[in-house]
Protein backbone atom coordinates (compact mmCIF):
# COMPACT_ATOMS: atom_id res chain seq x y z
CA MET A 1 16.92 -204.43 35.22
CA ASN A 2 16.92 -201.70 37.49
CA ASN A 3 17.31 -198.02 36.93
CA SER A 4 21.00 -197.93 37.26
CA GLY A 5 21.36 -200.74 34.69
CA ILE A 6 19.18 -198.87 32.24
CA ILE A 7 21.18 -195.70 32.79
CA ALA A 8 24.43 -197.62 32.31
CA TRP A 9 23.20 -199.20 29.09
CA SER A 10 21.89 -195.86 27.89
CA LEU A 11 25.23 -194.22 28.64
CA ALA A 12 27.06 -197.02 26.82
CA ALA A 13 24.75 -196.70 23.80
CA ALA A 14 25.20 -192.90 23.79
CA ALA A 15 28.98 -193.30 24.04
CA ALA A 16 28.99 -195.85 21.20
CA ALA A 17 26.83 -193.53 19.09
CA PHE A 18 29.20 -190.66 19.89
CA VAL A 19 32.19 -192.78 18.86
CA VAL A 20 30.47 -193.78 15.58
CA LEU A 21 29.56 -190.13 14.98
CA CYS A 22 33.16 -189.06 15.62
CA VAL A 23 34.46 -191.73 13.22
CA PHE A 24 32.11 -190.49 10.47
CA LEU A 25 33.00 -186.84 11.20
CA ILE A 26 36.71 -187.67 11.02
CA GLY A 27 36.17 -189.36 7.62
CA LEU A 28 34.14 -186.39 6.45
CA LEU A 29 36.81 -183.91 7.59
CA LYS A 30 39.55 -185.94 5.88
CA SER A 31 37.50 -185.95 2.66
CA ALA A 32 36.96 -182.20 2.96
CA GLN A 33 40.70 -181.72 3.57
CA ARG A 34 41.54 -183.68 0.40
CA SER A 35 38.99 -181.61 -1.55
CA LEU A 36 40.51 -178.38 -0.24
CA ALA A 37 44.03 -179.54 -1.13
CA SER A 38 42.89 -180.43 -4.63
CA ALA A 39 41.12 -177.02 -4.96
CA ARG A 40 44.34 -175.28 -3.82
CA ALA A 41 46.33 -177.18 -6.43
CA ALA A 42 43.77 -176.28 -9.11
CA ILE A 43 43.86 -172.62 -8.07
CA GLY A 44 47.67 -172.68 -8.21
CA GLU A 45 47.56 -174.14 -11.73
CA VAL A 46 45.01 -171.53 -12.80
CA LYS A 47 47.21 -168.80 -11.34
CA ASP A 48 50.26 -170.13 -13.21
CA THR A 49 48.26 -170.38 -16.43
CA ILE A 50 46.98 -166.82 -16.04
CA GLU A 51 50.51 -165.53 -15.42
CA GLY A 52 51.72 -167.39 -18.52
CA LEU A 53 48.84 -165.97 -20.55
CA GLN A 54 49.59 -162.48 -19.28
CA GLY A 55 53.09 -162.74 -20.71
CA GLU A 56 51.71 -164.00 -24.02
CA VAL A 57 49.11 -161.22 -24.12
CA ASN A 58 51.83 -158.63 -23.47
CA LYS A 59 53.96 -160.11 -26.27
CA LEU A 60 50.92 -160.09 -28.58
CA ALA A 61 50.19 -156.44 -27.74
CA GLU A 62 53.81 -155.51 -28.49
CA THR A 63 53.67 -157.40 -31.80
CA ILE A 64 50.42 -155.64 -32.74
CA ASN A 65 52.00 -152.27 -31.93
CA ASP A 66 55.04 -153.14 -34.07
CA VAL A 67 52.85 -154.22 -36.98
CA THR A 68 50.76 -151.05 -36.67
CA THR A 69 53.88 -148.89 -36.68
CA ASP A 70 55.23 -150.77 -39.70
CA VAL A 71 51.95 -150.36 -41.62
CA LYS A 72 51.84 -146.63 -40.81
CA GLY A 73 55.42 -146.25 -42.07
CA LYS A 74 54.66 -148.12 -45.27
CA LEU A 75 51.53 -146.02 -45.87
CA GLN A 76 53.55 -142.85 -45.39
CA ALA A 77 56.15 -144.20 -47.82
CA THR A 78 53.44 -144.49 -50.50
CA ASN A 79 52.48 -140.80 -50.21
CA PRO A 80 55.06 -139.69 -52.82
CA LEU A 81 53.67 -142.31 -55.19
CA PHE A 82 50.17 -140.94 -54.83
CA ASP A 83 51.49 -137.39 -55.23
CA ALA A 84 53.20 -138.44 -58.46
CA ILE A 85 50.00 -140.08 -59.67
CA GLN A 86 48.11 -136.89 -58.88
CA ASP A 87 50.71 -134.86 -60.81
CA VAL A 88 50.32 -137.18 -63.80
CA GLY A 89 46.55 -136.77 -63.61
CA VAL A 90 46.84 -132.98 -63.51
CA MET A 91 49.28 -133.05 -66.43
CA LEU A 92 46.95 -135.29 -68.46
CA LYS A 93 44.04 -133.01 -67.66
CA GLU A 94 46.00 -129.98 -68.86
CA VAL A 95 47.23 -131.73 -72.02
CA THR A 96 43.72 -132.93 -72.76
CA GLY A 97 42.39 -129.41 -72.27
CA THR A 98 45.05 -128.00 -74.60
CA ALA A 99 44.33 -130.65 -77.22
CA ARG A 100 40.59 -130.00 -76.90
CA GLU A 101 41.08 -126.26 -77.39
CA THR A 102 43.41 -126.81 -80.33
CA SER A 103 41.04 -129.24 -82.03
CA LEU A 104 38.15 -126.84 -81.42
CA HIS A 105 40.07 -123.97 -83.01
CA LEU A 106 41.21 -126.17 -85.87
CA SER A 107 37.70 -127.49 -86.57
CA HIS A 108 36.33 -123.94 -86.38
CA ALA A 109 38.99 -122.76 -88.86
CA VAL A 110 38.25 -125.70 -91.16
CA ARG A 111 34.52 -124.92 -91.06
CA ARG A 112 35.20 -121.28 -91.87
CA GLN A 113 37.44 -122.29 -94.76
CA ALA A 114 34.88 -124.82 -96.00
CA ALA A 115 32.12 -122.20 -95.80
CA ALA A 116 34.31 -119.71 -97.66
CA ILE A 117 35.11 -122.28 -100.38
CA GLU A 118 31.45 -123.27 -100.74
CA SER A 119 30.39 -119.65 -101.05
CA GLY A 120 33.15 -119.08 -103.59
CA THR A 121 34.41 -115.93 -101.91
CA THR A 122 37.94 -117.16 -101.19
CA PRO A 123 40.13 -119.28 -103.46
CA VAL A 124 41.80 -122.37 -101.93
CA ASN A 125 45.12 -121.32 -100.50
CA TRP A 126 47.17 -124.44 -99.58
CA ILE A 127 50.03 -122.45 -98.19
CA ARG A 128 47.76 -120.95 -95.53
CA TRP A 129 46.70 -124.48 -94.60
CA VAL A 130 50.29 -125.62 -94.28
CA VAL A 131 51.19 -122.60 -92.16
CA LEU A 132 48.12 -123.19 -89.99
CA GLY A 133 48.98 -126.89 -89.56
CA THR A 134 52.56 -126.02 -88.68
CA ARG A 135 51.37 -123.55 -86.04
CA VAL A 136 49.05 -126.18 -84.55
CA VAL A 137 51.83 -128.79 -84.37
CA GLU A 138 54.28 -126.32 -82.87
CA GLY A 139 51.64 -125.19 -80.35
CA LEU A 140 51.01 -128.80 -79.32
CA ARG A 141 54.74 -129.49 -78.95
CA LYS A 142 55.28 -126.37 -76.91
CA GLY A 143 52.28 -127.17 -74.70
CA TRP A 144 53.46 -130.75 -74.21
CA LYS A 145 56.96 -129.59 -73.22
CA GLU A 146 55.56 -127.06 -70.76
CA LYS A 147 53.34 -129.69 -69.20
CA ARG A 148 56.22 -132.12 -68.78
CA THR A 149 58.48 -129.71 -66.88
CA PRO A 150 57.88 -129.82 -63.09
CA GLU A 151 57.88 -126.06 -62.52
CA HIS A 152 54.86 -125.64 -64.80
CA HIS A 153 52.57 -128.00 -62.90
CA LEU A 154 49.53 -126.17 -61.63
CA ASP A 155 47.22 -127.43 -58.94
CA GLU A 156 43.44 -127.14 -59.01
CA PHE A 157 43.73 -123.50 -57.82
CA GLY A 158 46.10 -122.49 -60.62
CA GLN A 159 49.07 -122.37 -58.26
CA SER A 160 52.47 -123.62 -59.46
CA ARG A 161 53.41 -126.99 -57.96
CA HIS A 162 56.97 -128.25 -57.56
């Protein structure tokens, strides 16, 4: 073989190698194209899913706002109940205070009477006891009636509450 034969065979081998390389590159590019198409489809699905989720998130946010507004309204509706409970507590405190004072005065009067009887300085006077008991009962009734009327409710500062 001469030089021109070697060059011809070398050119043929290079051309064949180039053709094989082109065939493999074409296969690789087709595979890459399919991968890109599949990635585009996946991105489209992700985009659609995100848009759908955005709508759901917006609906959820609106529902949460509605529930929050409803709860606030219901809490405000219970304020009169708590005010009434507070009024009852104030009334019970006042009635208890009145009863405590009355029982203190009564026990003090009984002790004075008992001491007077023991010392023998005063004879037993049952009419005075009946009058005293009647005054105590009437005082309790009057105090109870005053505590039950709304215009006589006093707050913790002694102010009249309505």
